Amino acid sequence: MEAVLSVEDLWKSYATRPGGPRRQALSGLGFSVPRNSVVGLLGPNGAGKTTTLKCVMGLARPDSGSIRIFGRDGGAVEARRKVGFLPEQPYFDLYLTPRKLLLYYGRLAGMEASAARPRISYLLNLVGMEDEADITMDKFSKGMLQRIGLAQALLAEPELLILDEPSSGLDPLGKLQVRDMLKSLSSGGTTILLSSHQLSEIEEICDRVIIIHKGREVASGALAELLEEEGECEVLLGKPVPESMATIPPTASWAEGGEGKRLLVPRDDLNAALASLLEAGASIAEVRSRRLSLEEFFVRRIGKQGWEVEG
């Protein structure tokens, strides 16, 4: 698949204090974002997600490595014209109204006022801020400012949309509206790179994920394949046997539910578990795959790396 964004061997460190040791934020990070995909960038606090997005957007200079956007060097103006960006904490001149702010940004992006005005009206309606379009933003809540930030990211009709915690400060209805909006943009051909702590949001919106920890990639790929690959198997019993009679693998566990007693077992240990059950006289009614949730997958991958934060 054609990559809209490619990051290769990215390193970035920060000075902790004058003359002090440097803090390593990124350690050889590499990934790509295919065209027409919605990619979730995940990681624990301090993993390097925001630093990565700042480097991609030119707001931080990496120590080494390369960034290419639409096949061009990451610093090329022509490549950046096609990118919309919402930072984790957007800051605006609060004495302006949303309409005036977006017109200002539109002109900076090279839009004629005659083309910008209808686009601004459309976006303010899209993010639910049309009634506040001419109120100065010093009266806005964090969630309202976040909606304006989303509107400015979409102003120039970007082909690549990069969002850092887009649901921050939004109420449940606002989060639902953002999800629906991103799904609509994706179906219209916009490529999206989304960093979020809301794993349910990532699982519902994204078709691919990149998980980073300590500035390195620890997992990446199509979300459905990753969750299926590391999932478990459920063995439903037609004729239960006492648990003590079956010597099941230590990685397996018994569970009770509406379908009766069943055994949860990792795929690699399935054959051994089935042999043990049959030897004990159990009747196997069904064996089926159990897909992991994104939260389970995330905890497994980060747990293997350790929770210490270094970047």
Foldseek 3Di string as FASTA:
>chain_A
DAFQKWWFQFWAWADPDVVHDIFTQAGGATDTFHFLFAEEEAEPPQLNPLVVVCCLQVVDPTPDTFMDGRNHGSVDPVRCLQEFEQHPQDDDDQQFFLQVRLLVLCVVSVHDSVVQNVLSCVLCVLQVNNVRRGPRRVPPDSQVVLSSSVSSSCRSPHLEYEYEASCPPPDPVSLVSVLVVLQVSSVVGRGYYYYHPPLVSCVSRGQKYFYGGNNYTQDIDGPQCLQQQFWWKKWQWPADDPPVQFPADPQKDWDQDPSGIIITGTPVRVVVRVVRCVVSPIHTDDMDTDGDRVVVSNCVRVVVVDDDRRD
